[in-house]
C-alpha cells in the first residue's frame, strides 16, 4: 500500500485562535462530482445549507495550498487539499480569566475558570481554553496535553510546540502525572474518612450522566479525604487513581456527598441558561510529574478558591 504524503501546511492563519479546516478531496470512482463546488455542496450542504456553501465559494472562503481562492467551477481533482474557516457560533463569554501558573519554552500550565471548555467542541469554539491562550499568548501551536471537564476549574497542562506534545501526552496516558482535586460538598460526621471508592462506571454516548454498575468489575478508583468543614459543608481532597468520565462526581455522589452545584448528580437538571453564579465546586488543584525532557520534578498548584472554603 502506498503511504499518503504528509499534507501541506495551512495557507490560512488561525482565526480567533482556531485553525482552518483542512479538506482532502476523496477518490471519486463513479464520477459523482464534475467540479469542486459540486463536492463541497454535497459534503457540507446538509449541515449548513447548500446556499451557504455556495456563498462561501463566491466569497473566496475556500482556498488551495497556494492560498488562492478556489472557484467552485474548477474541475474536481481527487487528493487535492483545500482549507476554509467555518462560521463560528455566537458564544456568550465565560466569566473569569485564564490564569497562567507557569510558562517556559515547552509548556504552559493554565488555571482554567469554571464553565470554560478545554478544546473546541459543539457550540464551544472561541470560548475555550485553547482559543483564549493561543490568542492571548501568541502561541499558535499550543495544545493541551490532557482534558479537563468544562464545568471543573483548575490546572491544565498545555504544550507549546507540536514536536514536544507526544512526550507530555504519554505522561498522562501512562498515569505518570499525579493529579489531586478539591471539592465542596455536604459534611457528614458519620462518614469515616479517608476512604477509597472503587466501582464500575459506564458513560453512554448521548446520555449526560455516567452511572455505576452494581456488582460490575471495578474500572474506577478514587481516594477521598476531609480537609476542613464549617457548618453543613466541607472541603474534600480527591485523588483519582483512574480517569473515567465524571469519576469524582459519581464517587462523591455515591458516598452521599454530591458536589455543590452539580447539575447532573444526583439529579440531572433540565436544560436552560447556565448559571455562572453557581459553578460546580470542583477544582483540579495540583499536578505533579517528572518533566520528560529535563528530568526535573514538577509540582503546580491552582490559586483558585472554592466557595469561600479555600
C-alpha atoms as a PDB file:
ATOM      1  CA  UNK A   1       0.000   0.000   0.000  1.00  0.00           C
ATOM      2  CA  UNK A   2       1.350   3.408  -0.945  1.00  0.00           C
ATOM      3  CA  UNK A   3       1.759   5.701   2.046  1.00  0.00           C
ATOM      4  CA  UNK A   4      -0.099   9.007   1.770  1.00  0.00           C
ATOM      5  CA  UNK A   5       2.231  12.007   1.736  1.00  0.00           C
ATOM      6  CA  UNK A   6       2.139  14.491   4.565  1.00  0.00           C
ATOM      7  CA  UNK A   7      -0.436  17.261   3.966  1.00  0.00           C
ATOM      8  CA  UNK A   8       0.977  20.707   3.189  1.00  0.00           C
ATOM      9  CA  UNK A   9       0.849  23.408   5.839  1.00  0.00           C
ATOM     10  CA  UNK A  10      -2.274  25.508   6.026  1.00  0.00           C
ATOM     11  CA  UNK A  11      -2.063  28.682   3.916  1.00  0.00           C
ATOM     12  CA  UNK A  12      -4.624  30.321   6.226  1.00  0.00           C
ATOM     13  CA  UNK A  13      -3.642  31.804   9.583  1.00  0.00           C
ATOM     14  CA  UNK A  14      -5.653  30.946  12.668  1.00  0.00           C
ATOM     15  CA  UNK A  15      -8.789  32.969  13.301  1.00  0.00           C
ATOM     16  CA  UNK A  16      -9.642  33.729  16.939  1.00  0.00           C
ATOM     17  CA  UNK A  17      -7.158  31.037  17.939  1.00  0.00           C
ATOM     18  CA  UNK A  18      -8.840  28.359  15.790  1.00  0.00           C
ATOM     19  CA  UNK A  19      -7.149  26.510  12.918  1.00  0.00           C
ATOM     20  CA  UNK A  20      -8.661  26.485   9.458  1.00  0.00           C
ATOM     21  CA  UNK A  21     -10.441  23.255   8.490  1.00  0.00           C
ATOM     22  CA  UNK A  22      -8.412  21.081   6.109  1.00  0.00           C
ATOM     23  CA  UNK A  23     -10.287  19.148   3.413  1.00  0.00           C
ATOM     24  CA  UNK A  24      -8.816  16.408   1.228  1.00  0.00           C
ATOM     25  CA  UNK A  25     -10.895  15.675  -1.857  1.00  0.00           C
ATOM     26  CA  UNK A  26     -11.543  11.897  -1.885  1.00  0.00           C
ATOM     27  CA  UNK A  27     -11.364   9.466  -4.747  1.00  0.00           C
ATOM     28  CA  UNK A  28     -14.446   9.571  -6.975  1.00  0.00           C
ATOM     29  CA  UNK A  29     -14.564   6.276  -8.901  1.00  0.00           C
ATOM     30  CA  UNK A  30     -18.154   6.836 -10.043  1.00  0.00           C
ATOM     31  CA  UNK A  31     -17.560  10.366 -11.275  1.00  0.00           C
ATOM     32  CA  UNK A  32     -20.159  11.877  -8.951  1.00  0.00           C
ATOM     33  CA  UNK A  33     -18.530  15.321  -8.878  1.00  0.00           C
ATOM     34  CA  UNK A  34     -17.582  17.171 -12.017  1.00  0.00           C
ATOM     35  CA  UNK A  35     -16.484  20.282 -10.108  1.00  0.00           C
ATOM     36  CA  UNK A  36     -15.044  21.202  -6.730  1.00  0.00           C
ATOM     37  CA  UNK A  37     -18.203  23.143  -5.947  1.00  0.00           C
ATOM     38  CA  UNK A  38     -20.440  20.109  -6.500  1.00  0.00           C
ATOM     39  CA  UNK A  39     -18.415  18.105  -3.987  1.00  0.00           C
ATOM     40  CA  UNK A  40     -18.321  20.839  -1.351  1.00  0.00           C
ATOM     41  CA  UNK A  41     -22.056  21.454  -1.589  1.00  0.00           C
ATOM     42  CA  UNK A  42     -22.708  17.722  -1.301  1.00  0.00           C
ATOM     43  CA  UNK A  43     -20.284  17.383   1.581  1.00  0.00           C
ATOM     44  CA  UNK A  44     -21.363  20.331   3.736  1.00  0.00           C
ATOM     45  CA  UNK A  45     -24.761  21.363   2.398  1.00  0.00           C
ATOM     46  CA  UNK A  46     -26.713  19.060   4.697  1.00  0.00           C
ATOM     47  CA  UNK A  47     -25.084  20.693   7.730  1.00  0.00           C
ATOM     48  CA  UNK A  48     -25.184  24.391   6.814  1.00  0.00           C
ATOM     49  CA  UNK A  49     -27.362  24.533   3.695  1.00  0.00           C
ATOM     50  CA  UNK A  50     -26.432  24.438   0.015  1.00  0.00           C
ATOM     51  CA  UNK A  51     -26.871  28.196  -0.307  1.00  0.00           C
ATOM     52  CA  UNK A  52     -24.361  28.854   2.498  1.00  0.00           C
ATOM     53  CA  UNK A  53     -21.689  26.680   0.891  1.00  0.00           C
ATOM     54  CA  UNK A  54     -22.273  28.363  -2.466  1.00  0.00           C
ATOM     55  CA  UNK A  55     -21.987  31.777  -0.800  1.00  0.00           C
ATOM     56  CA  UNK A  56     -18.699  30.781   0.846  1.00  0.00           C
ATOM     57  CA  UNK A  57     -17.340  29.786  -2.551  1.00  0.00           C
ATOM     58  CA  UNK A  58     -18.373  33.138  -4.035  1.00  0.00           C
ATOM     59  CA  UNK A  59     -16.742  34.933  -1.096  1.00  0.00           C
ATOM     60  CA  UNK A  60     -13.448  33.117  -1.655  1.00  0.00           C
ATOM     61  CA  UNK A  61     -13.640  31.334   1.690  1.00  0.00           C
ATOM     62  CA  UNK A  62     -12.169  28.072   0.315  1.00  0.00           C
ATOM     63  CA  UNK A  63      -8.512  28.224  -0.666  1.00  0.00           C
ATOM     64  CA  UNK A  64      -5.952  25.847  -2.111  1.00  0.00           C
ATOM     65  CA  UNK A  65      -2.427  25.066  -0.901  1.00  0.00           C
ATOM     66  CA  UNK A  66      -1.160  28.241  -2.603  1.00  0.00           C
ATOM     67  CA  UNK A  67      -3.596  30.381  -0.596  1.00  0.00           C
ATOM     68  CA  UNK A  68      -5.630  31.402  -3.639  1.00  0.00           C
ATOM     69  CA  UNK A  69      -9.414  31.256  -3.543  1.00  0.00           C
ATOM     70  CA  UNK A  70     -10.996  28.220  -5.168  1.00  0.00           C
ATOM     71  CA  UNK A  71     -13.581  28.703  -7.886  1.00  0.00           C
ATOM     72  CA  UNK A  72     -16.482  26.295  -7.452  1.00  0.00           C
ATOM     73  CA  UNK A  73     -16.449  25.638 -11.210  1.00  0.00           C
ATOM     74  CA  UNK A  74     -12.899  24.224 -11.150  1.00  0.00           C
ATOM     75  CA  UNK A  75     -12.660  20.577 -12.270  1.00  0.00           C
ATOM     76  CA  UNK A  76     -12.730  18.034  -9.471  1.00  0.00           C
ATOM     77  CA  UNK A  77      -9.295  16.574  -8.627  1.00  0.00           C
ATOM     78  CA  UNK A  78      -9.089  13.766  -6.075  1.00  0.00           C
ATOM     79  CA  UNK A  79      -6.332  14.179  -3.495  1.00  0.00           C
ATOM     80  CA  UNK A  80      -6.331  17.952  -3.631  1.00  0.00           C
ATOM     81  CA  UNK A  81      -6.222  19.814  -0.308  1.00  0.00           C
ATOM     82  CA  UNK A  82      -8.438  22.781   0.493  1.00  0.00           C
ATOM     83  CA  UNK A  83      -8.807  24.919   3.602  1.00  0.00           C
ATOM     84  CA  UNK A  84     -11.537  27.154   4.993  1.00  0.00           C
ATOM     85  CA  UNK A  85     -12.618  28.793   8.226  1.00  0.00           C
ATOM     86  CA  UNK A  86     -16.025  27.656   9.389  1.00  0.00           C
ATOM     87  CA  UNK A  87     -18.599  30.094  10.697  1.00  0.00           C
ATOM     88  CA  UNK A  88     -18.250  30.266  14.469  1.00  0.00           C
ATOM     89  CA  UNK A  89     -21.410  30.147  16.587  1.00  0.00           C
ATOM     90  CA  UNK A  90     -22.283  33.176  18.691  1.00  0.00           C
ATOM     91  CA  UNK A  91     -20.911  32.456  22.159  1.00  0.00           C
ATOM     92  CA  UNK A  92     -21.500  34.120  25.489  1.00  0.00           C
ATOM     93  CA  UNK A  93     -18.209  34.997  27.123  1.00  0.00           C
ATOM     94  CA  UNK A  94     -17.403  32.713  30.031  1.00  0.00           C
ATOM     95  CA  UNK A  95     -16.650  34.875  33.086  1.00  0.00           C
ATOM     96  CA  UNK A  96     -13.242  34.721  34.678  1.00  0.00           C
ATOM     97  CA  UNK A  97      -9.761  34.963  33.251  1.00  0.00           C
ATOM     98  CA  UNK A  98      -7.403  32.105  32.468  1.00  0.00           C
ATOM     99  CA  UNK A  99      -4.511  32.226  34.903  1.00  0.00           C
ATOM    100  CA  UNK A 100      -1.008  31.201  33.848  1.00  0.00           C
ATOM    101  CA  UNK A 101       0.673  29.379  36.709  1.00  0.00           C
ATOM    102  CA  UNK A 102       3.852  28.579  34.786  1.00  0.00           C
ATOM    103  CA  UNK A 103       5.301  29.121  31.331  1.00  0.00           C
ATOM    104  CA  UNK A 104       8.533  28.188  29.590  1.00  0.00           C
ATOM    105  CA  UNK A 105       9.601  27.297  26.039  1.00  0.00           C
ATOM    106  CA  UNK A 106       7.880  23.897  26.210  1.00  0.00           C
ATOM    107  CA  UNK A 107       4.826  24.125  28.454  1.00  0.00           C
ATOM    108  CA  UNK A 108       2.144  26.451  29.767  1.00  0.00           C
ATOM    109  CA  UNK A 109       0.296  25.447  32.929  1.00  0.00           C
ATOM    110  CA  UNK A 110      -3.075  27.200  32.817  1.00  0.00           C
ATOM    111  CA  UNK A 111      -5.539  27.764  35.657  1.00  0.00           C
ATOM    112  CA  UNK A 112      -8.934  27.374  33.973  1.00  0.00           C
ATOM    113  CA  UNK A 113     -12.139  29.011  35.252  1.00  0.00           C
ATOM    114  CA  UNK A 114     -15.379  27.068  35.616  1.00  0.00           C
ATOM    115  CA  UNK A 115     -17.605  26.717  32.507  1.00  0.00           C
ATOM    116  CA  UNK A 116     -14.701  27.105  30.034  1.00  0.00           C
ATOM    117  CA  UNK A 117     -14.244  24.109  27.729  1.00  0.00           C
ATOM    118  CA  UNK A 118     -10.684  22.898  27.239  1.00  0.00           C
ATOM    119  CA  UNK A 119     -10.963  22.236  23.490  1.00  0.00           C
ATOM    120  CA  UNK A 120     -13.377  23.430  20.776  1.00  0.00           C
ATOM    121  CA  UNK A 121     -16.398  21.167  20.581  1.00  0.00           C
ATOM    122  CA  UNK A 122     -20.035  21.640  19.613  1.00  0.00           C
ATOM    123  CA  UNK A 123     -21.187  25.161  20.478  1.00  0.00           C
ATOM    124  CA  UNK A 124     -17.988  25.973  22.384  1.00  0.00           C
ATOM    125  CA  UNK A 125     -15.336  27.104  19.908  1.00  0.00           C
ATOM    126  CA  UNK A 126     -13.779  30.505  20.504  1.00  0.00           C
ATOM    127  CA  UNK A 127     -14.792  30.498  24.172  1.00  0.00           C
ATOM    128  CA  UNK A 128     -12.411  27.677  25.047  1.00  0.00           C
ATOM    129  CA  UNK A 129      -9.166  27.462  26.958  1.00  0.00           C
ATOM    130  CA  UNK A 130      -7.220  26.599  23.817  1.00  0.00           C
ATOM    131  CA  UNK A 131      -8.533  29.521  21.762  1.00  0.00           C
ATOM    132  CA  UNK A 132      -8.071  32.032  24.579  1.00  0.00           C
ATOM    133  CA  UNK A 133      -4.489  31.006  25.302  1.00  0.00           C
ATOM    134  CA  UNK A 134      -3.463  30.937  21.656  1.00  0.00           C
ATOM    135  CA  UNK A 135      -4.822  34.454  21.202  1.00  0.00           C
ATOM    136  CA  UNK A 136      -3.591  35.911  24.487  1.00  0.00           C
ATOM    137  CA  UNK A 137      -0.113  34.353  24.472  1.00  0.00           C
ATOM    138  CA  UNK A 138       0.530  34.364  20.721  1.00  0.00           C
ATOM    139  CA  UNK A 139       1.231  30.606  20.658  1.00  0.00           C
ATOM    140  CA  UNK A 140      -0.442  29.185  17.535  1.00  0.00           C
ATOM    141  CA  UNK A 141       0.810  25.586  18.043  1.00  0.00           C
ATOM    142  CA  UNK A 142      -0.368  25.363  21.646  1.00  0.00           C
ATOM    143  CA  UNK A 143      -2.320  22.219  22.524  1.00  0.00           C
ATOM    144  CA  UNK A 144      -3.488  20.779  25.854  1.00  0.00           C
ATOM    145  CA  UNK A 145      -1.766  17.541  26.885  1.00  0.00           C
ATOM    146  CA  UNK A 146      -4.993  16.355  28.551  1.00  0.00           C
ATOM    147  CA  UNK A 147      -8.584  17.466  29.056  1.00  0.00           C
ATOM    148  CA  UNK A 148     -10.435  18.931  31.995  1.00  0.00           C
ATOM    149  CA  UNK A 149     -14.215  18.831  32.158  1.00  0.00           C
ATOM    150  CA  UNK A 150     -15.840  22.115  31.138  1.00  0.00           C
ATOM    151  CA  UNK A 151     -17.616  22.584  34.484  1.00  0.00           C
ATOM    152  CA  UNK A 152     -14.460  21.864  36.501  1.00  0.00           C
ATOM    153  CA  UNK A 153     -11.952  24.620  37.220  1.00  0.00           C
ATOM    154  CA  UNK A 154      -8.226  24.288  37.738  1.00  0.00           C
ATOM    155  CA  UNK A 155      -4.966  23.194  36.175  1.00  0.00           C
ATOM    156  CA  UNK A 156      -4.451  22.151  32.567  1.00  0.00           C
ATOM    157  CA  UNK A 157      -1.003  21.357  31.171  1.00  0.00           C
ATOM    158  CA  UNK A 158      -0.541  22.713  27.638  1.00  0.00           C
ATOM    159  CA  UNK A 159       2.342  22.071  25.249  1.00  0.00           C
ATOM    160  CA  UNK A 160       3.818  24.956  23.254  1.00  0.00           C
ATOM    161  CA  UNK A 161       5.400  23.096  20.325  1.00  0.00           C
ATOM    162  CA  UNK A 162       3.948  20.270  18.280  1.00  0.00           C
ATOM    163  CA  UNK A 163       7.167  18.231  18.423  1.00  0.00           C
ATOM    164  CA  UNK A 164       7.052  18.130  22.243  1.00  0.00           C
ATOM    165  CA  UNK A 165       3.398  17.178  22.555  1.00  0.00           C
ATOM    166  CA  UNK A 166       3.748  13.414  22.450  1.00  0.00           C
ATOM    167  CA  UNK A 167       6.158  13.249  25.378  1.00  0.00           C
ATOM    168  CA  UNK A 168       3.773  15.082  27.715  1.00  0.00           C
ATOM    169  CA  UNK A 169       0.680  13.269  26.463  1.00  0.00           C
ATOM    170  CA  UNK A 170       2.458   9.987  27.194  1.00  0.00           C
ATOM    171  CA  UNK A 171       2.818  11.009  30.842  1.00  0.00           C
ATOM    172  CA  UNK A 172      -0.961  11.225  31.154  1.00  0.00           C
ATOM    173  CA  UNK A 173      -1.534   8.050  29.148  1.00  0.00           C
ATOM    174  CA  UNK A 174       0.844   6.118  31.402  1.00  0.00           C
ATOM    175  CA  UNK A 175      -0.614   7.682  34.579  1.00  0.00           C
ATOM    176  CA  UNK A 176       2.763   9.228  35.400  1.00  0.00           C
ATOM    177  CA  UNK A 177       1.063  12.501  36.407  1.00  0.00           C
ATOM    178  CA  UNK A 178      -0.274  12.726  39.945  1.00  0.00           C
ATOM    179  CA  UNK A 179      -3.485  14.770  39.920  1.00  0.00           C
ATOM    180  CA  UNK A 180      -5.322  15.979  43.007  1.00  0.00           C
ATOM    181  CA  UNK A 181      -8.649  17.782  43.203  1.00  0.00           C
ATOM    182  CA  UNK A 182     -10.622  19.635  45.829  1.00  0.00           C
ATOM    183  CA  UNK A 183     -14.386  19.810  46.172  1.00  0.00           C
ATOM    184  CA  UNK A 184     -17.010  21.405  48.380  1.00  0.00           C
ATOM    185  CA  UNK A 185     -19.871  19.102  49.334  1.00  0.00           C
ATOM    186  CA  UNK A 186     -22.122  18.339  52.309  1.00  0.00           C
ATOM    187  CA  UNK A 187     -20.451  17.372  55.580  1.00  0.00           C
ATOM    188  CA  UNK A 188     -21.330  14.013  57.086  1.00  0.00           C
ATOM    189  CA  UNK A 189     -19.834  13.486  60.562  1.00  0.00           C
ATOM    190  CA  UNK A 190     -20.850   9.811  60.422  1.00  0.00           C
ATOM    191  CA  UNK A 191     -18.690   9.090  57.386  1.00  0.00           C
ATOM    192  CA  UNK A 192     -15.240   7.668  58.141  1.00  0.00           C
ATOM    193  CA  UNK A 193     -12.547   9.288  56.026  1.00  0.00           C
ATOM    194  CA  UNK A 194     -10.220   8.842  54.242  1.00  0.00           C
ATOM    195  CA  UNK A 195     -11.916   6.259  52.081  1.00  0.00           C
ATOM    196  CA  UNK A 196     -11.064   4.613  48.760  1.00  0.00           C
ATOM    197  CA  UNK A 197     -14.051   4.162  46.462  1.00  0.00           C
ATOM    198  CA  UNK A 198     -13.932   1.519  43.725  1.00  0.00           C
ATOM    199  CA  UNK A 199     -16.746   0.818  41.293  1.00  0.00           C
ATOM    200  CA  UNK A 200     -17.604   0.214  37.670  1.00  0.00           C
ATOM    201  CA  UNK A 201     -18.596   3.415  35.867  1.00  0.00           C
ATOM    202  CA  UNK A 202     -20.044   3.498  32.365  1.00  0.00           C
ATOM    203  CA  UNK A 203     -20.947   6.514  30.242  1.00  0.00           C
ATOM    204  CA  UNK A 204     -23.236   6.099  27.248  1.00  0.00           C
ATOM    205  CA  UNK A 205     -22.859   8.380  24.252  1.00  0.00           C
ATOM    206  CA  UNK A 206     -25.618  10.977  24.219  1.00  0.00           C
ATOM    207  CA  UNK A 207     -26.500  10.443  27.898  1.00  0.00           C
ATOM    208  CA  UNK A 208     -25.425  13.313  30.145  1.00  0.00           C
ATOM    209  CA  UNK A 209     -24.778  11.408  33.366  1.00  0.00           C
ATOM    210  CA  UNK A 210     -22.499   8.419  33.875  1.00  0.00           C
ATOM    211  CA  UNK A 211     -23.722   5.553  36.017  1.00  0.00           C
ATOM    212  CA  UNK A 212     -22.309   2.929  38.341  1.00  0.00           C
ATOM    213  CA  UNK A 213     -22.942  -0.735  37.521  1.00  0.00           C
ATOM    214  CA  UNK A 214     -23.739  -2.638  40.717  1.00  0.00           C
ATOM    215  CA  UNK A 215     -21.533  -5.708  41.045  1.00  0.00           C
ATOM    216  CA  UNK A 216     -19.549  -4.836  37.929  1.00  0.00           C
ATOM    217  CA  UNK A 217     -15.791  -5.297  37.687  1.00  0.00           C
ATOM    218  CA  UNK A 218     -14.323  -2.035  39.064  1.00  0.00           C
ATOM    219  CA  UNK A 219     -12.765   0.268  36.484  1.00  0.00           C
ATOM    220  CA  UNK A 220     -12.696   3.451  38.590  1.00  0.00           C
ATOM    221  CA  UNK A 221     -10.909   4.215  41.840  1.00  0.00           C
ATOM    222  CA  UNK A 222     -10.830   7.438  43.876  1.00  0.00           C
ATOM    223  CA  UNK A 223      -9.347   8.299  47.257  1.00  0.00           C
ATOM    224  CA  UNK A 224     -11.354  10.862  49.232  1.00  0.00           C
ATOM    225  CA  UNK A 225     -10.346  12.670  52.413  1.00  0.00           C
ATOM    226  CA  UNK A 226     -11.654  15.544  54.527  1.00  0.00           C
ATOM    227  CA  UNK A 227      -9.699  18.818  54.610  1.00  0.00           C
ATOM    228  CA  UNK A 228     -11.983  21.117  56.614  1.00  0.00           C
ATOM    229  CA  UNK A 229     -15.627  21.656  57.453  1.00  0.00           C
ATOM    230  CA  UNK A 230     -17.821  24.519  58.520  1.00  0.00           C
ATOM    231  CA  UNK A 231     -21.490  24.160  59.261  1.00  0.00           C
ATOM    232  CA  UNK A 232     -23.099  21.751  56.848  1.00  0.00           C
ATOM    233  CA  UNK A 233     -20.392  21.994  54.170  1.00  0.00           C
ATOM    234  CA  UNK A 234     -16.904  20.562  53.924  1.00  0.00           C
ATOM    235  CA  UNK A 235     -13.877  20.751  51.654  1.00  0.00           C
ATOM    236  CA  UNK A 236     -12.537  17.437  50.411  1.00  0.00           C
ATOM    237  CA  UNK A 237      -9.244  16.230  48.930  1.00  0.00           C
ATOM    238  CA  UNK A 238      -9.849  13.921  45.954  1.00  0.00           C
ATOM    239  CA  UNK A 239      -7.244  11.774  44.199  1.00  0.00           C
ATOM    240  CA  UNK A 240      -8.398   9.834  41.112  1.00  0.00           C
ATOM    241  CA  UNK A 241      -6.371   6.676  40.544  1.00  0.00           C
ATOM    242  CA  UNK A 242      -8.158   6.154  37.222  1.00  0.00           C
ATOM    243  CA  UNK A 243      -9.688   8.539  34.703  1.00  0.00           C
ATOM    244  CA  UNK A 244     -13.294   7.608  33.970  1.00  0.00           C
ATOM    245  CA  UNK A 245     -15.722  10.297  32.809  1.00  0.00           C
ATOM    246  CA  UNK A 246     -17.217  12.193  35.789  1.00  0.00           C
ATOM    247  CA  UNK A 247     -15.487   9.723  38.113  1.00  0.00           C
ATOM    248  CA  UNK A 248     -15.031  12.038  41.098  1.00  0.00           C
ATOM    249  CA  UNK A 249     -18.556  13.413  40.796  1.00  0.00           C
ATOM    250  CA  UNK A 250     -20.029   9.907  40.626  1.00  0.00           C
ATOM    251  CA  UNK A 251     -17.996   8.640  43.583  1.00  0.00           C
ATOM    252  CA  UNK A 252     -18.792  11.647  45.774  1.00  0.00           C
ATOM    253  CA  UNK A 253     -22.471  11.224  44.997  1.00  0.00           C
ATOM    254  CA  UNK A 254     -22.239   7.506  45.838  1.00  0.00           C
ATOM    255  CA  UNK A 255     -20.961   8.475  49.299  1.00  0.00           C
ATOM    256  CA  UNK A 256     -23.993  10.697  49.803  1.00  0.00           C
ATOM    257  CA  UNK A 257     -21.831  13.794  49.261  1.00  0.00           C
ATOM    258  CA  UNK A 258     -22.875  15.279  45.896  1.00  0.00           C
ATOM    259  CA  UNK A 259     -20.566  18.128  44.942  1.00  0.00           C
ATOM    260  CA  UNK A 260     -22.119  21.537  45.464  1.00  0.00           C
ATOM    261  CA  UNK A 261     -23.970  22.901  42.398  1.00  0.00           C
ATOM    262  CA  UNK A 262     -23.516  19.686  40.399  1.00  0.00           C
ATOM    263  CA  UNK A 263     -26.132  19.805  37.591  1.00  0.00           C
ATOM    264  CA  UNK A 264     -26.021  16.022  36.981  1.00  0.00           C
ATOM    265  CA  UNK A 265     -25.570  14.230  40.280  1.00  0.00           C
ATOM    266  CA  UNK A 266     -27.745  13.161  41.991  1.00  0.00           C
ATOM    267  CA  UNK A 267     -30.407  14.639  39.658  1.00  0.00           C
ATOM    268  CA  UNK A 268     -29.989  15.795  36.054  1.00  0.00           C
ATOM    269  CA  UNK A 269     -31.304  19.332  35.862  1.00  0.00           C
ATOM    270  CA  UNK A 270     -33.411  20.485  32.937  1.00  0.00           C
ATOM    271  CA  UNK A 271     -31.538  22.324  30.205  1.00  0.00           C
ATOM    272  CA  UNK A 272     -31.637  26.086  30.499  1.00  0.00           C
ATOM    273  CA  UNK A 273     -29.355  29.110  30.625  1.00  0.00           C
ATOM    274  CA  UNK A 274     -26.205  28.351  32.569  1.00  0.00           C
ATOM    275  CA  UNK A 275     -25.998  29.998  35.952  1.00  0.00           C
ATOM    276  CA  UNK A 276     -22.464  31.363  36.096  1.00  0.00           C
ATOM    277  CA  UNK A 277     -23.128  32.330  39.711  1.00  0.00           C
ATOM    278  CA  UNK A 278     -23.416  28.658  40.742  1.00  0.00           C
ATOM    279  CA  UNK A 279     -20.298  26.902  39.443  1.00  0.00           C
ATOM    280  CA  UNK A 280     -19.659  23.256  40.202  1.00  0.00           C
ATOM    281  CA  UNK A 281     -17.460  23.287  43.285  1.00  0.00           C
ATOM    282  CA  UNK A 282     -14.773  21.007  41.887  1.00  0.00           C
ATOM    283  CA  UNK A 283     -11.216  22.162  41.294  1.00  0.00           C
ATOM    284  CA  UNK A 284      -8.155  20.473  39.773  1.00  0.00           C
ATOM    285  CA  UNK A 285      -5.819  21.719  42.499  1.00  0.00           C
ATOM    286  CA  UNK A 286      -2.433  20.156  41.697  1.00  0.00           C
ATOM    287  CA  UNK A 287      -0.336  18.451  39.026  1.00  0.00           C
ATOM    288  CA  UNK A 288       2.850  16.568  39.938  1.00  0.00           C
ATOM    289  CA  UNK A 289       5.138  14.848  37.427  1.00  0.00           C
ATOM    290  CA  UNK A 290       8.723  14.444  36.261  1.00  0.00           C
ATOM    291  CA  UNK A 291       9.499  16.505  33.192  1.00  0.00           C
ATOM    292  CA  UNK A 292      10.216  14.107  30.280  1.00  0.00           C
ATOM    293  CA  UNK A 293      12.888  16.392  28.796  1.00  0.00           C
ATOM    294  CA  UNK A 294      14.796  17.706  31.816  1.00  0.00           C
ATOM    295  CA  UNK A 295      14.094  15.034  34.426  1.00  0.00           C
ATOM    296  CA  UNK A 296      13.114  17.832  36.790  1.00  0.00           C
ATOM    297  CA  UNK A 297      10.341  17.185  39.327  1.00  0.00           C
ATOM    298  CA  UNK A 298       7.390  19.493  38.664  1.00  0.00           C
ATOM    299  CA  UNK A 299       4.629  20.489  41.059  1.00  0.00           C
ATOM    300  CA  UNK A 300       1.991  23.076  40.235  1.00  0.00           C
ATOM    301  CA  UNK A 301      -0.890  24.405  42.340  1.00  0.00           C
ATOM    302  CA  UNK A 302      -4.085  26.205  41.326  1.00  0.00           C
ATOM    303  CA  UNK A 303      -4.673  29.519  43.066  1.00  0.00           C
ATOM    304  CA  UNK A 304      -8.457  29.437  42.666  1.00  0.00           C
ATOM    305  CA  UNK A 305     -10.720  29.364  45.733  1.00  0.00           C
ATOM    306  CA  UNK A 306     -13.750  27.158  46.193  1.00  0.00           C
ATOM    307  CA  UNK A 307     -16.931  28.714  47.573  1.00  0.00           C
ATOM    308  CA  UNK A 308     -15.165  30.531  50.406  1.00  0.00           C
ATOM    309  CA  UNK A 309     -13.733  27.313  51.864  1.00  0.00           C
ATOM    310  CA  UNK A 310     -10.320  27.501  50.174  1.00  0.00           C
END
